[in-house]
Amino acid sequence: MQVLLRNNLRWTRQRRLIVAAMEGRADHPTAEEIYHDLRNRGEPVSLATVYRTLRALAREGLLRELHGHGPDRFDPNLVPHYHFHCTRCGRVFDVGVSYKGELDRIDVGPGFAVVSHEIIWEEICPSCRGKEGS
């Protein structure tokens, strides 16, 4: 809650629910997945509120917003790390490859200043690969 207040975000009931729904998640949910999780628990929240809240949290640096093929996904893990995107099911996974901080300091050309980098590998996840053999 203090993080939200420091970042000038009002601490509404809906925001509390959305933040709680994101805490500890490693499955990189979409806004719709969070919305359905909350609705299935009987929480009165709109899909638009979930989208707005997740994007506001990402803008404030409290979540990572992952763009790619399919719907945007959100990651509460702010420690720099890499991802794997399954091109079949669309899920995103954390990858246990050490973050290469030296790439944040690479010279990409005159006038450019690199502040971070992101790597997302794309292929088929083990679960989808297993279904291929069935």
C-alpha atoms as a PDB file:
ATOM      1  CA  MET A   1       0.000   0.000   0.000  1.00  0.00           C
ATOM      2  CA  GLN A   2       2.790   2.452   0.865  1.00  0.00           C
ATOM      3  CA  VAL A   3       4.317   1.932  -2.579  1.00  0.00           C
ATOM      4  CA  LEU A   4       1.042   2.963  -4.206  1.00  0.00           C
ATOM      5  CA  LEU A   5       0.679   6.026  -2.014  1.00  0.00           C
ATOM      6  CA  ARG A   6       4.284   7.119  -2.689  1.00  0.00           C
ATOM      7  CA  ASN A   7       3.561   6.812  -6.395  1.00  0.00           C
ATOM      8  CA  ASN A   8       0.393   8.948  -6.182  1.00  0.00           C
ATOM      9  CA  LEU A   9      -1.972   6.094  -6.941  1.00  0.00           C
ATOM     10  CA  ARG A  10      -5.160   6.082  -4.901  1.00  0.00           C
ATOM     11  CA  TRP A  11      -5.508   2.954  -2.779  1.00  0.00           C
ATOM     12  CA  THR A  12      -9.001   1.882  -3.862  1.00  0.00           C
ATOM     13  CA  ARG A  13     -10.612  -1.433  -3.018  1.00  0.00           C
ATOM     14  CA  GLN A  14     -10.304  -2.546  -6.654  1.00  0.00           C
ATOM     15  CA  ARG A  15      -6.588  -1.685  -6.737  1.00  0.00           C
ATOM     16  CA  ARG A  16      -6.026  -3.625  -3.529  1.00  0.00           C
ATOM     17  CA  LEU A  17      -7.762  -6.641  -5.083  1.00  0.00           C
ATOM     18  CA  ILE A  18      -5.734  -6.402  -8.294  1.00  0.00           C
ATOM     19  CA  VAL A  19      -2.420  -5.946  -6.478  1.00  0.00           C
ATOM     20  CA  ALA A  20      -3.245  -8.924  -4.230  1.00  0.00           C
ATOM     21  CA  ALA A  21      -4.156 -11.002  -7.299  1.00  0.00           C
ATOM     22  CA  MET A  22      -0.730 -10.250  -8.830  1.00  0.00           C
ATOM     23  CA  GLU A  23       1.391 -10.862  -5.732  1.00  0.00           C
ATOM     24  CA  GLY A  24       3.680 -13.865  -6.023  1.00  0.00           C
ATOM     25  CA  ARG A  25       2.519 -14.837  -9.496  1.00  0.00           C
ATOM     26  CA  ALA A  26       5.059 -16.278 -11.892  1.00  0.00           C
ATOM     27  CA  ASP A  27       2.619 -17.141 -14.695  1.00  0.00           C
ATOM     28  CA  HIS A  28       2.648 -13.653 -16.265  1.00  0.00           C
ATOM     29  CA  PRO A  29      -1.142 -13.278 -16.427  1.00  0.00           C
ATOM     30  CA  THR A  30      -3.065 -11.134 -18.874  1.00  0.00           C
ATOM     31  CA  ALA A  31      -5.511  -8.494 -17.648  1.00  0.00           C
ATOM     32  CA  GLU A  32      -8.348 -10.801 -18.686  1.00  0.00           C
ATOM     33  CA  GLU A  33      -6.939 -13.650 -16.593  1.00  0.00           C
ATOM     34  CA  ILE A  34      -6.749 -11.392 -13.527  1.00  0.00           C
ATOM     35  CA  TYR A  35     -10.275 -10.141 -14.265  1.00  0.00           C
ATOM     36  CA  HIS A  36     -11.652 -13.711 -14.497  1.00  0.00           C
ATOM     37  CA  ASP A  37      -9.794 -14.772 -11.327  1.00  0.00           C
ATOM     38  CA  LEU A  38     -11.347 -11.878  -9.409  1.00  0.00           C
ATOM     39  CA  ARG A  39     -14.829 -12.390 -10.878  1.00  0.00           C
ATOM     40  CA  ASN A  40     -14.686 -16.125 -10.073  1.00  0.00           C
ATOM     41  CA  ARG A  41     -14.046 -15.130  -6.441  1.00  0.00           C
ATOM     42  CA  GLY A  42     -17.138 -12.919  -6.576  1.00  0.00           C
ATOM     43  CA  GLU A  43     -15.259  -9.620  -6.636  1.00  0.00           C
ATOM     44  CA  PRO A  44     -17.108  -6.774  -8.397  1.00  0.00           C
ATOM     45  CA  VAL A  45     -14.425  -5.377 -10.707  1.00  0.00           C
ATOM     46  CA  SER A  46     -14.611  -4.402 -14.366  1.00  0.00           C
ATOM     47  CA  LEU A  47     -12.210  -5.499 -17.070  1.00  0.00           C
ATOM     48  CA  ALA A  48     -11.492  -1.823 -17.859  1.00  0.00           C
ATOM     49  CA  THR A  49     -10.486  -1.227 -14.219  1.00  0.00           C
ATOM     50  CA  VAL A  50      -8.128  -4.207 -14.306  1.00  0.00           C
ATOM     51  CA  TYR A  51      -6.496  -2.955 -17.532  1.00  0.00           C
ATOM     52  CA  ARG A  52      -6.164   0.610 -16.240  1.00  0.00           C
ATOM     53  CA  THR A  53      -4.769  -0.506 -12.897  1.00  0.00           C
ATOM     54  CA  LEU A  54      -2.233  -2.952 -14.333  1.00  0.00           C
ATOM     55  CA  ARG A  55      -1.025  -0.372 -16.856  1.00  0.00           C
ATOM     56  CA  ALA A  56      -0.804   2.323 -14.151  1.00  0.00           C
ATOM     57  CA  LEU A  57       1.218  -0.027 -11.944  1.00  0.00           C
ATOM     58  CA  ALA A  58       3.519  -0.789 -14.888  1.00  0.00           C
ATOM     59  CA  ARG A  59       3.970   2.929 -15.662  1.00  0.00           C
ATOM     60  CA  GLU A  60       4.950   3.500 -12.035  1.00  0.00           C
ATOM     61  CA  GLY A  61       7.503   0.678 -12.223  1.00  0.00           C
ATOM     62  CA  LEU A  62       5.590  -1.583  -9.842  1.00  0.00           C
ATOM     63  CA  LEU A  63       4.982  -4.293 -12.477  1.00  0.00           C
ATOM     64  CA  ARG A  64       6.531  -5.191 -15.802  1.00  0.00           C
ATOM     65  CA  GLU A  65       4.283  -5.103 -18.849  1.00  0.00           C
ATOM     66  CA  LEU A  66       5.308  -7.660 -21.458  1.00  0.00           C
ATOM     67  CA  HIS A  67       4.356  -6.972 -25.062  1.00  0.00           C
ATOM     68  CA  GLY A  68       4.514  -9.506 -27.836  1.00  0.00           C
ATOM     69  CA  HIS A  69       2.277 -11.779 -29.808  1.00  0.00           C
ATOM     70  CA  GLY A  70      -1.183 -11.943 -28.288  1.00  0.00           C
ATOM     71  CA  PRO A  71      -2.423  -9.986 -25.291  1.00  0.00           C
ATOM     72  CA  ASP A  72      -0.038  -8.049 -23.059  1.00  0.00           C
ATOM     73  CA  ARG A  73       1.064  -9.909 -19.955  1.00  0.00           C
ATOM     74  CA  PHE A  74       2.128  -8.589 -16.555  1.00  0.00           C
ATOM     75  CA  ASP A  75       4.991  -9.670 -14.325  1.00  0.00           C
ATOM     76  CA  PRO A  76       5.283  -8.664 -10.645  1.00  0.00           C
ATOM     77  CA  ASN A  77       8.936  -9.802 -10.573  1.00  0.00           C
ATOM     78  CA  LEU A  78      10.971  -6.603 -10.984  1.00  0.00           C
ATOM     79  CA  VAL A  79      14.362  -8.311 -10.713  1.00  0.00           C
ATOM     80  CA  PRO A  80      15.880  -8.181 -14.226  1.00  0.00           C
ATOM     81  CA  HIS A  81      15.376 -11.543 -15.934  1.00  0.00           C
ATOM     82  CA  TYR A  82      14.566 -13.122 -19.288  1.00  0.00           C
ATOM     83  CA  HIS A  83      11.448 -14.791 -20.638  1.00  0.00           C
ATOM     84  CA  PHE A  84      10.316 -17.598 -22.918  1.00  0.00           C
ATOM     85  CA  HIS A  85       7.096 -17.174 -24.925  1.00  0.00           C
ATOM     86  CA  CYS A  86       5.296 -20.279 -26.216  1.00  0.00           C
ATOM     87  CA  THR A  87       4.125 -19.589 -29.747  1.00  0.00           C
ATOM     88  CA  ARG A  88       1.461 -22.276 -29.442  1.00  0.00           C
ATOM     89  CA  CYS A  89      -0.339 -21.614 -26.119  1.00  0.00           C
ATOM     90  CA  GLY A  90       0.838 -18.020 -25.582  1.00  0.00           C
ATOM     91  CA  ARG A  91       2.087 -18.550 -22.030  1.00  0.00           C
ATOM     92  CA  VAL A  92       5.212 -16.765 -20.816  1.00  0.00           C
ATOM     93  CA  PHE A  93       7.799 -18.365 -18.536  1.00  0.00           C
ATOM     94  CA  ASP A  94      10.767 -17.007 -16.596  1.00  0.00           C
ATOM     95  CA  VAL A  95      14.062 -18.372 -17.920  1.00  0.00           C
ATOM     96  CA  GLY A  96      16.894 -19.360 -15.579  1.00  0.00           C
ATOM     97  CA  VAL A  97      19.582 -17.652 -17.648  1.00  0.00           C
ATOM     98  CA  SER A  98      21.662 -15.107 -15.744  1.00  0.00           C
ATOM     99  CA  TYR A  99      20.823 -11.516 -16.627  1.00  0.00           C
ATOM    100  CA  LYS A 100      23.663  -9.954 -18.634  1.00  0.00           C
ATOM    101  CA  GLY A 101      23.998  -6.529 -16.997  1.00  0.00           C
ATOM    102  CA  GLU A 102      26.870  -5.622 -19.334  1.00  0.00           C
ATOM    103  CA  LEU A 103      24.310  -5.391 -22.160  1.00  0.00           C
ATOM    104  CA  ASP A 104      22.743  -2.437 -20.316  1.00  0.00           C
ATOM    105  CA  ARG A 105      25.984  -0.549 -20.899  1.00  0.00           C
ATOM    106  CA  ILE A 106      26.538  -1.455 -24.542  1.00  0.00           C
ATOM    107  CA  ASP A 107      27.186   1.353 -27.026  1.00  0.00           C
ATOM    108  CA  VAL A 108      24.520   1.080 -29.717  1.00  0.00           C
ATOM    109  CA  GLY A 109      25.488   4.282 -31.509  1.00  0.00           C
ATOM    110  CA  PRO A 110      25.944   8.027 -31.161  1.00  0.00           C
ATOM    111  CA  GLY A 111      23.212   9.751 -29.172  1.00  0.00           C
ATOM    112  CA  PHE A 112      21.657   6.548 -27.819  1.00  0.00           C
ATOM    113  CA  ALA A 113      21.651   5.697 -24.123  1.00  0.00           C
ATOM    114  CA  VAL A 114      20.745   2.130 -23.180  1.00  0.00           C
ATOM    115  CA  VAL A 115      19.076   1.869 -19.774  1.00  0.00           C
ATOM    116  CA  SER A 116      17.962  -1.776 -19.939  1.00  0.00           C
ATOM    117  CA  HIS A 117      17.394  -4.643 -22.317  1.00  0.00           C
ATOM    118  CA  GLU A 118      14.898  -7.440 -22.689  1.00  0.00           C
ATOM    119  CA  ILE A 119      15.256 -10.876 -24.250  1.00  0.00           C
ATOM    120  CA  ILE A 120      12.277 -13.115 -24.974  1.00  0.00           C
ATOM    121  CA  TRP A 121      12.922 -16.479 -26.574  1.00  0.00           C
ATOM    122  CA  GLU A 122      10.067 -17.887 -28.644  1.00  0.00           C
ATOM    123  CA  GLU A 123       9.371 -21.517 -29.380  1.00  0.00           C
ATOM    124  CA  ILE A 124       7.026 -24.238 -28.143  1.00  0.00           C
ATOM    125  CA  CYS A 125       6.884 -24.981 -24.390  1.00  0.00           C
ATOM    126  CA  PRO A 126       7.359 -28.522 -23.006  1.00  0.00           C
ATOM    127  CA  SER A 127       3.623 -28.930 -22.348  1.00  0.00           C
ATOM    128  CA  CYS A 128       2.668 -28.061 -25.937  1.00  0.00           C
ATOM    129  CA  ARG A 129       5.549 -30.119 -27.306  1.00  0.00           C
ATOM    130  CA  GLY A 130       4.244 -33.098 -25.327  1.00  0.00           C
ATOM    131  CA  LYS A 131       0.812 -32.656 -26.905  1.00  0.00           C
ATOM    132  CA  GLU A 132       2.397 -32.829 -30.365  1.00  0.00           C
ATOM    133  CA  GLY A 133       3.483 -36.406 -29.720  1.00  0.00           C
ATOM    134  CA  SER A 134       0.010 -37.464 -28.591  1.00  0.00           C
END
